[in-house]
Amino acid sequence: VTYLANGCWRWHVDYNVAHWEEYDFCPHATKMLLAADRNSQSWDFGTLKTTNLARFTCAPDAEILPEDPRPGQTLAWLCTGTNTSVAGRTSERMALRIVGIDNLRIGRAVVPTVHELQQVALTGGQRGTVREDWWFTVSSGLPVRMVRHITILSSSPIGTVTYHEDGSWQMASLQPRT
């Protein structure tokens, strides 16, 4: 986590040696917005290696965590961006649904969380789908768990490359390490 201007903060996750993602979260009144996201994917084709950095800016009202989350509540917005190694702009169309309020055990603490399902359709330079279940703490909006399923198609020097990933992570502790 890196602190940014205006109370915003950047969440960085290394999923594997070839893929990382960052999200810029901004508290606004009693809700949280998603200002931007970035991801990097690297491909090694033997004699040819390439890395793609995608940068997205989201709509100013891209609400990632509503003020009063209720099961069944839905939100939607659009983020648009560019890629360093893939031609054309890419659009991320987000559909979010609040699943419910869940208590998760994080280390020794039982933490109330907002569980939400995010489904993203990518079109343009990159195409595909992302399905992620997120759990954010009720108290601060800090992400503490995620389960994801990704399939993204990208143009490459050897033709279309399909990236598929199924994974999850969960915080081991709420105590920060610096």
N, C-alpha and C. Protein backbone atom coordinates (compact mmCIF):
# COMPACT_ATOMS: atom_id res chain seq x y z
N VAL A 1 0.85 -1.17 0.00
CA VAL A 1 0.00 0.00 0.00
C VAL A 1 0.90 1.23 0.00
N THR A 2 0.60 2.16 -0.90
CA THR A 2 1.32 3.43 -0.97
C THR A 2 0.29 4.56 -0.85
N TYR A 3 0.57 5.52 0.00
CA TYR A 3 -0.35 6.63 0.17
C TYR A 3 -0.14 7.65 -0.95
N LEU A 4 -1.25 8.19 -1.49
CA LEU A 4 -1.23 9.17 -2.56
C LEU A 4 -1.85 10.48 -2.06
N ALA A 5 -1.96 11.46 -2.92
CA ALA A 5 -2.56 12.74 -2.57
C ALA A 5 -4.05 12.60 -2.29
N ASN A 6 -4.61 13.54 -1.57
CA ASN A 6 -6.05 13.65 -1.29
C ASN A 6 -6.64 12.44 -0.57
N GLY A 7 -5.83 11.75 0.23
CA GLY A 7 -6.33 10.61 1.00
C GLY A 7 -6.43 9.32 0.21
N CYS A 8 -6.04 9.35 -1.06
CA CYS A 8 -6.08 8.14 -1.89
C CYS A 8 -4.91 7.23 -1.54
N TRP A 9 -5.00 5.97 -1.95
CA TRP A 9 -3.92 5.03 -1.73
C TRP A 9 -3.87 4.01 -2.86
N ARG A 10 -2.68 3.51 -3.11
CA ARG A 10 -2.45 2.54 -4.19
C ARG A 10 -2.22 1.16 -3.58
N TRP A 11 -2.97 0.20 -4.09
CA TRP A 11 -2.89 -1.19 -3.67
C TRP A 11 -2.14 -1.94 -4.75
N HIS A 12 -1.00 -2.55 -4.44
CA HIS A 12 -0.17 -3.27 -5.41
C HIS A 12 -0.14 -4.74 -5.02
N VAL A 13 -0.38 -5.63 -5.99
CA VAL A 13 -0.34 -7.07 -5.74
C VAL A 13 0.49 -7.73 -6.84
N ASP A 14 1.50 -8.50 -6.43
CA ASP A 14 2.27 -9.33 -7.36
C ASP A 14 1.60 -10.70 -7.39
N TYR A 15 0.95 -11.04 -8.51
CA TYR A 15 0.26 -12.33 -8.59
C TYR A 15 1.21 -13.47 -8.91
N ASN A 16 2.19 -13.18 -9.75
CA ASN A 16 3.23 -14.14 -10.08
C ASN A 16 4.38 -13.36 -10.69
N VAL A 17 5.44 -14.03 -11.12
CA VAL A 17 6.61 -13.31 -11.64
C VAL A 17 6.32 -12.59 -12.95
N ALA A 18 5.23 -12.92 -13.62
CA ALA A 18 4.91 -12.33 -14.91
C ALA A 18 3.67 -11.43 -14.88
N HIS A 19 3.11 -11.17 -13.70
CA HIS A 19 1.86 -10.40 -13.66
C HIS A 19 1.70 -9.69 -12.33
N TRP A 20 1.54 -8.37 -12.38
CA TRP A 20 1.19 -7.58 -11.19
C TRP A 20 0.06 -6.62 -11.56
N GLU A 21 -0.65 -6.16 -10.49
CA GLU A 21 -1.73 -5.19 -10.69
C GLU A 21 -1.69 -4.16 -9.57
N GLU A 22 -2.14 -2.94 -9.91
CA GLU A 22 -2.26 -1.86 -8.94
C GLU A 22 -3.63 -1.19 -9.11
N TYR A 23 -4.18 -0.77 -7.99
CA TYR A 23 -5.47 -0.09 -7.98
C TYR A 23 -5.33 1.18 -7.15
N ASP A 24 -5.82 2.30 -7.65
CA ASP A 24 -5.82 3.55 -6.90
C ASP A 24 -7.21 3.75 -6.31
N PHE A 25 -7.33 3.60 -4.98
CA PHE A 25 -8.58 3.75 -4.27
C PHE A 25 -8.63 5.13 -3.61
N CYS A 26 -9.80 5.78 -3.68
CA CYS A 26 -9.95 7.12 -3.11
C CYS A 26 -11.21 7.20 -2.26
N PRO A 27 -11.05 7.39 -0.94
CA PRO A 27 -12.23 7.61 -0.11
C PRO A 27 -12.88 8.93 -0.52
N HIS A 28 -14.19 8.92 -0.59
CA HIS A 28 -14.95 10.12 -0.96
C HIS A 28 -16.22 10.14 -0.12
N ALA A 29 -16.29 11.07 0.82
CA ALA A 29 -17.39 11.11 1.79
C ALA A 29 -17.41 9.76 2.51
N THR A 30 -18.46 8.98 2.38
CA THR A 30 -18.55 7.68 3.08
C THR A 30 -18.51 6.52 2.11
N LYS A 31 -18.01 6.74 0.91
CA LYS A 31 -17.86 5.65 -0.06
C LYS A 31 -16.43 5.66 -0.58
N MET A 32 -16.05 4.64 -1.36
CA MET A 32 -14.71 4.57 -1.91
C MET A 32 -14.81 4.45 -3.43
N LEU A 33 -13.97 5.24 -4.11
CA LEU A 33 -13.94 5.25 -5.57
C LEU A 33 -12.68 4.56 -6.07
N LEU A 34 -12.77 4.05 -7.31
CA LEU A 34 -11.61 3.51 -8.00
C LEU A 34 -11.20 4.55 -9.03
N ALA A 35 -10.05 5.20 -8.83
CA ALA A 35 -9.61 6.27 -9.74
C ALA A 35 -8.89 5.71 -10.95
N ALA A 36 -8.09 4.65 -10.75
CA ALA A 36 -7.28 4.12 -11.84
C ALA A 36 -6.81 2.72 -11.50
N ASP A 37 -6.38 2.00 -12.52
CA ASP A 37 -5.70 0.73 -12.28
C ASP A 37 -4.66 0.50 -13.37
N ARG A 38 -3.67 -0.29 -13.01
CA ARG A 38 -2.58 -0.64 -13.92
C ARG A 38 -2.28 -2.12 -13.77
N ASN A 39 -1.81 -2.73 -14.84
CA ASN A 39 -1.35 -4.11 -14.73
C ASN A 39 -0.22 -4.33 -15.71
N SER A 40 0.63 -5.26 -15.37
CA SER A 40 1.76 -5.63 -16.22
C SER A 40 1.75 -7.13 -16.42
N GLN A 41 1.93 -7.53 -17.66
CA GLN A 41 2.05 -8.94 -18.01
C GLN A 41 3.29 -9.11 -18.86
N SER A 42 4.07 -10.15 -18.58
CA SER A 42 5.27 -10.45 -19.36
C SER A 42 5.11 -11.80 -20.02
N TRP A 43 5.58 -11.88 -21.26
CA TRP A 43 5.53 -13.13 -22.01
C TRP A 43 6.93 -13.48 -22.48
N ASP A 44 7.29 -14.74 -22.37
CA ASP A 44 8.59 -15.23 -22.81
C ASP A 44 8.34 -16.31 -23.86
N PHE A 45 8.67 -15.99 -25.12
CA PHE A 45 8.47 -16.92 -26.23
C PHE A 45 9.78 -17.55 -26.66
N GLY A 46 10.72 -17.70 -25.74
CA GLY A 46 12.02 -18.27 -26.09
C GLY A 46 12.97 -17.16 -26.54
N THR A 47 13.06 -16.95 -27.84
CA THR A 47 13.95 -15.90 -28.35
C THR A 47 13.31 -14.52 -28.30
N LEU A 48 12.03 -14.44 -28.05
CA LEU A 48 11.32 -13.17 -28.01
C LEU A 48 10.64 -13.00 -26.66
N LYS A 49 10.97 -11.89 -25.99
CA LYS A 49 10.35 -11.59 -24.70
C LYS A 49 9.71 -10.22 -24.82
N THR A 50 8.53 -10.06 -24.23
CA THR A 50 7.84 -8.78 -24.25
C THR A 50 7.06 -8.58 -22.96
N THR A 51 6.90 -7.32 -22.58
CA THR A 51 6.11 -6.96 -21.40
C THR A 51 5.10 -5.90 -21.82
N ASN A 52 3.89 -6.04 -21.35
CA ASN A 52 2.84 -5.07 -21.62
C ASN A 52 2.42 -4.40 -20.32
N LEU A 53 2.45 -3.07 -20.33
CA LEU A 53 1.95 -2.30 -19.20
C LEU A 53 0.66 -1.63 -19.65
N ALA A 54 -0.44 -1.96 -18.98
CA ALA A 54 -1.74 -1.36 -19.28
C ALA A 54 -2.06 -0.34 -18.19
N ARG A 55 -2.49 0.85 -18.62
CA ARG A 55 -2.85 1.94 -17.69
C ARG A 55 -4.29 2.36 -17.98
N PHE A 56 -5.13 2.33 -16.95
CA PHE A 56 -6.54 2.66 -17.10
C PHE A 56 -6.93 3.81 -16.17
N THR A 57 -7.77 4.68 -16.68
CA THR A 57 -8.38 5.74 -15.89
C THR A 57 -9.87 5.46 -15.84
N CYS A 58 -10.44 5.55 -14.66
CA CYS A 58 -11.85 5.22 -14.48
C CYS A 58 -12.71 6.48 -14.45
N ALA A 59 -13.99 6.30 -14.71
CA ALA A 59 -14.95 7.40 -14.63
C ALA A 59 -14.87 8.03 -13.25
N PRO A 60 -15.08 9.35 -13.14
CA PRO A 60 -14.97 10.02 -11.82
C PRO A 60 -15.91 9.46 -10.76
N ASP A 61 -16.99 8.81 -11.18
CA ASP A 61 -17.94 8.25 -10.21
C ASP A 61 -17.83 6.73 -10.09
N ALA A 62 -16.67 6.18 -10.38
CA ALA A 62 -16.46 4.73 -10.33
C ALA A 62 -16.43 4.26 -8.87
N GLU A 63 -17.60 3.98 -8.35
CA GLU A 63 -17.77 3.63 -6.94
C GLU A 63 -17.45 2.14 -6.75
N ILE A 64 -16.39 1.87 -6.02
CA ILE A 64 -15.97 0.48 -5.77
C ILE A 64 -16.58 -0.06 -4.48
N LEU A 65 -16.87 0.84 -3.53
CA LEU A 65 -17.44 0.44 -2.25
C LEU A 65 -18.48 1.49 -1.86
N PRO A 66 -19.77 1.15 -1.95
CA PRO A 66 -20.81 2.15 -1.68
C PRO A 66 -20.90 2.54 -0.21
N GLU A 67 -21.57 3.65 0.02
CA GLU A 67 -21.74 4.19 1.37
C GLU A 67 -22.45 3.21 2.29
N ASP A 68 -23.52 2.61 1.83
CA ASP A 68 -24.32 1.68 2.63
C ASP A 68 -24.52 0.40 1.83
N PRO A 69 -23.50 -0.48 1.78
CA PRO A 69 -23.61 -1.67 0.94
C PRO A 69 -24.72 -2.61 1.39
N ARG A 70 -25.56 -3.00 0.44
CA ARG A 70 -26.67 -3.91 0.72
C ARG A 70 -26.60 -5.10 -0.23
N PRO A 71 -26.84 -6.31 0.26
CA PRO A 71 -26.82 -7.48 -0.63
C PRO A 71 -27.75 -7.26 -1.83
N GLY A 72 -27.23 -7.57 -3.00
CA GLY A 72 -27.99 -7.42 -4.24
C GLY A 72 -27.78 -6.08 -4.91
N GLN A 73 -27.23 -5.11 -4.19
CA GLN A 73 -26.98 -3.78 -4.77
C GLN A 73 -25.99 -3.91 -5.93
N THR A 74 -26.24 -3.19 -7.03
CA THR A 74 -25.36 -3.26 -8.20
C THR A 74 -24.84 -1.86 -8.56
N LEU A 75 -23.66 -1.84 -9.12
CA LEU A 75 -23.02 -0.62 -9.61
C LEU A 75 -22.35 -0.97 -10.93
N ALA A 76 -22.13 0.03 -11.78
CA ALA A 76 -21.45 -0.21 -13.05
C ALA A 76 -20.72 1.06 -13.47
N TRP A 77 -19.61 0.89 -14.16
CA TRP A 77 -18.87 2.01 -14.71
C TRP A 77 -17.90 1.53 -15.76
N LEU A 78 -17.14 2.49 -16.34
CA LEU A 78 -16.21 2.20 -17.42
C LEU A 78 -14.85 2.80 -17.09
N CYS A 79 -13.79 2.03 -17.35
CA CYS A 79 -12.42 2.52 -17.29
C CYS A 79 -11.83 2.34 -18.69
N THR A 80 -11.04 3.29 -19.15
CA THR A 80 -10.41 3.18 -20.47
C THR A 80 -8.92 3.37 -20.33
N GLY A 81 -8.18 2.73 -21.23
CA GLY A 81 -6.73 2.83 -21.12
C GLY A 81 -5.97 2.42 -22.35
N THR A 82 -4.66 2.46 -22.19
CA THR A 82 -3.74 2.11 -23.26
C THR A 82 -2.77 1.05 -22.77
N ASN A 83 -2.12 0.41 -23.73
CA ASN A 83 -1.14 -0.63 -23.47
C ASN A 83 0.17 -0.26 -24.14
N THR A 84 1.29 -0.67 -23.55
CA THR A 84 2.58 -0.36 -24.15
C THR A 84 2.95 -1.30 -25.28
N SER A 85 2.44 -2.53 -25.27
CA SER A 85 2.82 -3.52 -26.29
C SER A 85 1.65 -4.04 -27.10
N VAL A 86 0.45 -3.58 -26.81
CA VAL A 86 -0.75 -4.03 -27.52
C VAL A 86 -1.38 -2.81 -28.17
N ALA A 87 -1.61 -2.87 -29.48
CA ALA A 87 -2.15 -1.73 -30.20
C ALA A 87 -3.60 -1.45 -29.82
N GLY A 88 -3.96 -0.18 -29.83
CA GLY A 88 -5.36 0.21 -29.61
C GLY A 88 -5.70 0.43 -28.16
N ARG A 89 -6.75 1.21 -27.94
CA ARG A 89 -7.26 1.47 -26.60
C ARG A 89 -8.04 0.25 -26.11
N THR A 90 -8.07 0.08 -24.80
CA THR A 90 -8.84 -1.00 -24.20
C THR A 90 -9.85 -0.39 -23.24
N SER A 91 -11.06 -0.92 -23.23
CA SER A 91 -12.10 -0.50 -22.30
C SER A 91 -12.39 -1.62 -21.33
N GLU A 92 -12.54 -1.28 -20.06
CA GLU A 92 -12.95 -2.21 -19.01
C GLU A 92 -14.35 -1.80 -18.57
N ARG A 93 -15.33 -2.61 -18.87
CA ARG A 93 -16.70 -2.33 -18.44
C ARG A 93 -16.97 -3.17 -17.19
N MET A 94 -17.14 -2.47 -16.05
CA MET A 94 -17.28 -3.13 -14.75
C MET A 94 -18.74 -3.25 -14.36
N ALA A 95 -19.12 -4.43 -13.90
CA ALA A 95 -20.42 -4.66 -13.27
C ALA A 95 -20.13 -5.24 -11.89
N LEU A 96 -20.61 -4.59 -10.85
CA LEU A 96 -20.32 -4.96 -9.48
C LEU A 96 -21.62 -5.26 -8.75
N ARG A 97 -21.61 -6.33 -7.95
CA ARG A 97 -22.79 -6.68 -7.15
C ARG A 97 -22.35 -6.98 -5.73
N ILE A 98 -23.00 -6.36 -4.76
CA ILE A 98 -22.72 -6.64 -3.35
C ILE A 98 -23.32 -8.00 -3.02
N VAL A 99 -22.50 -8.92 -2.56
CA VAL A 99 -22.95 -10.26 -2.20
C VAL A 99 -23.49 -10.26 -0.78
N GLY A 100 -22.76 -9.60 0.13
CA GLY A 100 -23.22 -9.54 1.52
C GLY A 100 -22.13 -9.07 2.45
N ILE A 101 -22.41 -9.11 3.73
CA ILE A 101 -21.45 -8.77 4.77
C ILE A 101 -21.00 -10.09 5.39
N ASP A 102 -19.69 -10.36 5.31
CA ASP A 102 -19.12 -11.62 5.81
C ASP A 102 -18.10 -11.31 6.90
N ASN A 103 -18.02 -12.16 7.90
CA ASN A 103 -16.95 -12.09 8.87
C ASN A 103 -15.84 -13.02 8.42
N LEU A 104 -14.62 -12.48 8.26
CA LEU A 104 -13.45 -13.28 7.88
C LEU A 104 -12.45 -13.30 9.03
N ARG A 105 -11.76 -14.42 9.17
CA ARG A 105 -10.69 -14.50 10.15
C ARG A 105 -9.40 -14.07 9.44
N ILE A 106 -8.83 -12.96 9.92
CA ILE A 106 -7.56 -12.45 9.41
C ILE A 106 -6.58 -12.50 10.57
N GLY A 107 -5.66 -13.45 10.53
CA GLY A 107 -4.79 -13.68 11.68
C GLY A 107 -5.64 -14.13 12.84
N ARG A 108 -5.55 -13.42 13.95
CA ARG A 108 -6.34 -13.76 15.14
C ARG A 108 -7.64 -12.97 15.23
N ALA A 109 -7.84 -12.04 14.30
CA ALA A 109 -9.02 -11.17 14.37
C ALA A 109 -10.14 -11.68 13.48
N VAL A 110 -11.37 -11.50 13.93
CA VAL A 110 -12.55 -11.72 13.10
C VAL A 110 -12.97 -10.34 12.60
N VAL A 111 -12.99 -10.19 11.27
CA VAL A 111 -13.16 -8.87 10.66
C VAL A 111 -14.43 -8.83 9.83
N PRO A 112 -15.34 -7.88 10.09
CA PRO A 112 -16.51 -7.71 9.23
C PRO A 112 -16.06 -7.14 7.87
N THR A 113 -16.52 -7.78 6.79
CA THR A 113 -16.12 -7.36 5.45
C THR A 113 -17.33 -7.24 4.54
N VAL A 114 -17.18 -6.40 3.52
CA VAL A 114 -18.15 -6.32 2.43
C VAL A 114 -17.66 -7.26 1.34
N HIS A 115 -18.46 -8.26 1.01
CA HIS A 115 -18.13 -9.21 -0.06
C HIS A 115 -18.81 -8.73 -1.33
N GLU A 116 -18.02 -8.53 -2.38
CA GLU A 116 -18.62 -8.11 -3.65
C GLU A 116 -18.04 -8.89 -4.81
N LEU A 117 -18.89 -9.08 -5.81
CA LEU A 117 -18.52 -9.75 -7.05
C LEU A 117 -18.31 -8.68 -8.11
N GLN A 118 -17.13 -8.67 -8.72
CA GLN A 118 -16.82 -7.74 -9.81
C GLN A 118 -16.64 -8.55 -11.09
N GLN A 119 -17.37 -8.18 -12.12
CA GLN A 119 -17.23 -8.81 -13.42
C GLN A 119 -16.85 -7.74 -14.43
N VAL A 120 -15.73 -7.96 -15.12
CA VAL A 120 -15.19 -6.98 -16.06
C VAL A 120 -15.15 -7.60 -17.45
N ALA A 121 -15.64 -6.85 -18.43
CA ALA A 121 -15.53 -7.24 -19.84
C ALA A 121 -14.55 -6.28 -20.49
N LEU A 122 -13.48 -6.82 -21.07
CA LEU A 122 -12.48 -6.01 -21.76
C LEU A 122 -12.72 -6.07 -23.26
N THR A 123 -12.67 -4.91 -23.90
CA THR A 123 -12.82 -4.84 -25.35
C THR A 123 -11.77 -3.88 -25.90
N GLY A 124 -11.45 -4.04 -27.17
CA GLY A 124 -10.49 -3.16 -27.82
C GLY A 124 -9.16 -3.87 -27.98
N GLY A 125 -8.06 -3.18 -27.61
CA GLY A 125 -6.72 -3.73 -27.76
C GLY A 125 -6.53 -5.06 -27.05
N GLN A 126 -7.08 -5.19 -25.87
CA GLN A 126 -7.13 -6.47 -25.17
C GLN A 126 -8.60 -6.84 -25.02
N ARG A 127 -8.88 -8.14 -25.08
CA ARG A 127 -10.25 -8.63 -24.99
C ARG A 127 -10.30 -9.74 -23.95
N GLY A 128 -11.44 -9.86 -23.30
CA GLY A 128 -11.57 -10.96 -22.36
C GLY A 128 -12.48 -10.64 -21.20
N THR A 129 -12.38 -11.48 -20.17
CA THR A 129 -13.23 -11.34 -18.99
C THR A 129 -12.41 -11.51 -17.72
N VAL A 130 -12.84 -10.81 -16.69
CA VAL A 130 -12.25 -10.92 -15.36
C VAL A 130 -13.43 -11.07 -14.40
N ARG A 131 -13.37 -12.11 -13.57
CA ARG A 131 -14.38 -12.31 -12.52
C ARG A 131 -13.61 -12.38 -11.21
N GLU A 132 -13.94 -11.43 -10.30
CA GLU A 132 -13.24 -11.37 -9.03
C GLU A 132 -14.23 -11.20 -7.89
N ASP A 133 -14.04 -11.99 -6.85
CA ASP A 133 -14.75 -11.79 -5.59
C ASP A 133 -13.77 -11.07 -4.68
N TRP A 134 -14.17 -9.91 -4.17
CA TRP A 134 -13.36 -9.11 -3.26
C TRP A 134 -14.05 -9.05 -1.90
N TRP A 135 -13.23 -8.96 -0.85
CA TRP A 135 -13.71 -8.71 0.51
C TRP A 135 -12.96 -7.49 1.03
N PHE A 136 -13.70 -6.41 1.33
CA PHE A 136 -13.15 -5.16 1.86
C PHE A 136 -13.58 -5.02 3.32
N THR A 137 -12.68 -4.56 4.19
CA THR A 137 -13.09 -4.35 5.57
C THR A 137 -14.17 -3.28 5.63
N VAL A 138 -15.15 -3.49 6.50
CA VAL A 138 -16.22 -2.51 6.68
C VAL A 138 -15.65 -1.22 7.26
N SER A 139 -14.67 -1.33 8.16
CA SER A 139 -14.15 -0.16 8.87
C SER A 139 -13.33 0.78 8.00
N SER A 140 -12.52 0.24 7.06
CA SER A 140 -11.61 1.11 6.31
C SER A 140 -11.66 0.93 4.79
N GLY A 141 -12.29 -0.13 4.33
CA GLY A 141 -12.28 -0.41 2.90
C GLY A 141 -11.03 -1.14 2.43
N LEU A 142 -10.17 -1.54 3.35
CA LEU A 142 -8.95 -2.26 2.98
C LEU A 142 -9.31 -3.62 2.39
N PRO A 143 -8.79 -3.96 1.19
CA PRO A 143 -9.02 -5.31 0.66
C PRO A 143 -8.28 -6.34 1.51
N VAL A 144 -8.96 -7.42 1.89
CA VAL A 144 -8.32 -8.45 2.71
C VAL A 144 -8.37 -9.83 2.08
N ARG A 145 -9.15 -9.99 1.00
CA ARG A 145 -9.23 -11.28 0.33
C ARG A 145 -9.74 -11.07 -1.09
N MET A 146 -9.30 -11.96 -2.00
CA MET A 146 -9.81 -11.91 -3.37
C MET A 146 -9.65 -13.29 -4.01
N VAL A 147 -10.66 -13.66 -4.79
CA VAL A 147 -10.63 -14.88 -5.61
C VAL A 147 -10.88 -14.43 -7.03
N ARG A 148 -10.04 -14.87 -7.99
CA ARG A 148 -10.14 -14.33 -9.35
C ARG A 148 -10.04 -15.41 -10.42
N HIS A 149 -10.69 -15.11 -11.54
CA HIS A 149 -10.65 -15.94 -12.74
C HIS A 149 -10.53 -14.99 -13.92
N ILE A 150 -9.44 -15.10 -14.67
CA ILE A 150 -9.13 -14.16 -15.75
C ILE A 150 -8.87 -14.91 -17.04
N THR A 151 -9.42 -14.40 -18.14
CA THR A 151 -9.06 -14.84 -19.48
C THR A 151 -8.95 -13.59 -20.34
N ILE A 152 -7.73 -13.28 -20.80
CA ILE A 152 -7.49 -12.08 -21.60
C ILE A 152 -6.73 -12.47 -22.86
N LEU A 153 -7.21 -11.97 -24.01
CA LEU A 153 -6.56 -12.18 -25.29
C LEU A 153 -5.86 -10.90 -25.70
N SER A 154 -4.59 -11.02 -26.09
CA SER A 154 -3.78 -9.87 -26.50
C SER A 154 -3.04 -10.20 -27.78
N SER A 155 -2.90 -9.20 -28.63
CA SER A 155 -2.07 -9.36 -29.82
C SER A 155 -0.62 -9.37 -29.38
N SER A 156 0.20 -10.14 -30.09
CA SER A 156 1.62 -10.22 -29.80
C SER A 156 2.38 -10.40 -31.12
N PRO A 157 3.70 -10.31 -31.08
CA PRO A 157 4.48 -10.51 -32.30
C PRO A 157 4.29 -11.90 -32.94
N ILE A 158 3.78 -12.87 -32.17
CA ILE A 158 3.56 -14.21 -32.74
C ILE A 158 2.09 -14.53 -32.94
N GLY A 159 1.22 -13.52 -32.84
CA GLY A 159 -0.22 -13.72 -32.98
C GLY A 159 -0.92 -13.47 -31.66
N THR A 160 -2.16 -13.90 -31.59
CA THR A 160 -2.96 -13.68 -30.37
C THR A 160 -2.48 -14.61 -29.25
N VAL A 161 -2.28 -14.02 -28.08
CA VAL A 161 -1.87 -14.76 -26.89
C VAL A 161 -3.03 -14.74 -25.91
N THR A 162 -3.36 -15.91 -25.35
CA THR A 162 -4.41 -16.00 -24.34
C THR A 162 -3.76 -16.18 -22.98
N TYR A 163 -4.10 -15.28 -22.06
CA TYR A 163 -3.61 -15.36 -20.69
C TYR A 163 -4.78 -15.82 -19.84
N HIS A 164 -4.59 -16.93 -19.12
CA HIS A 164 -5.64 -17.46 -18.25
C HIS A 164 -5.05 -17.60 -16.85
N GLU A 165 -5.79 -17.15 -15.87
CA GLU A 165 -5.32 -17.23 -14.49
C GLU A 165 -6.50 -17.49 -13.56
N ASP A 166 -6.31 -18.43 -12.66
CA ASP A 166 -7.24 -18.67 -11.55
C ASP A 166 -6.39 -18.56 -10.29
N GLY A 167 -6.82 -17.74 -9.36
CA GLY A 167 -6.03 -17.59 -8.16
C GLY A 167 -6.79 -16.90 -7.05
N SER A 168 -6.13 -16.81 -5.90
CA SER A 168 -6.71 -16.14 -4.75
C SER A 168 -5.60 -15.70 -3.82
N TRP A 169 -5.92 -14.78 -2.95
CA TRP A 169 -5.03 -14.38 -1.88
C TRP A 169 -5.89 -13.93 -0.70
N GLN A 170 -5.29 -13.98 0.48
CA GLN A 170 -5.95 -13.47 1.68
C GLN A 170 -4.88 -12.93 2.60
N MET A 171 -5.17 -11.80 3.24
CA MET A 171 -4.24 -11.21 4.19
C MET A 171 -4.00 -12.19 5.34
N ALA A 172 -2.76 -12.24 5.79
CA ALA A 172 -2.42 -13.08 6.94
C ALA A 172 -2.56 -12.33 8.25
N SER A 173 -2.50 -10.99 8.18
CA SER A 173 -2.56 -10.17 9.38
C SER A 173 -2.98 -8.75 8.99
N LEU A 174 -3.59 -8.05 9.91
CA LEU A 174 -3.94 -6.65 9.70
C LEU A 174 -2.84 -5.72 10.23
N GLN A 175 -1.77 -6.28 10.79
CA GLN A 175 -0.66 -5.48 11.30
C GLN A 175 0.26 -5.13 10.14
N PRO A 176 0.48 -3.83 9.88
CA PRO A 176 1.35 -3.43 8.76
C PRO A 176 2.81 -3.77 9.04
N ARG A 177 3.52 -4.09 7.97
CA ARG A 177 4.97 -4.29 8.03
C ARG A 177 5.61 -3.25 7.12
N THR A 178 6.63 -2.59 7.60
CA THR A 178 7.29 -1.57 6.80
C THR A 178 8.71 -1.94 6.50
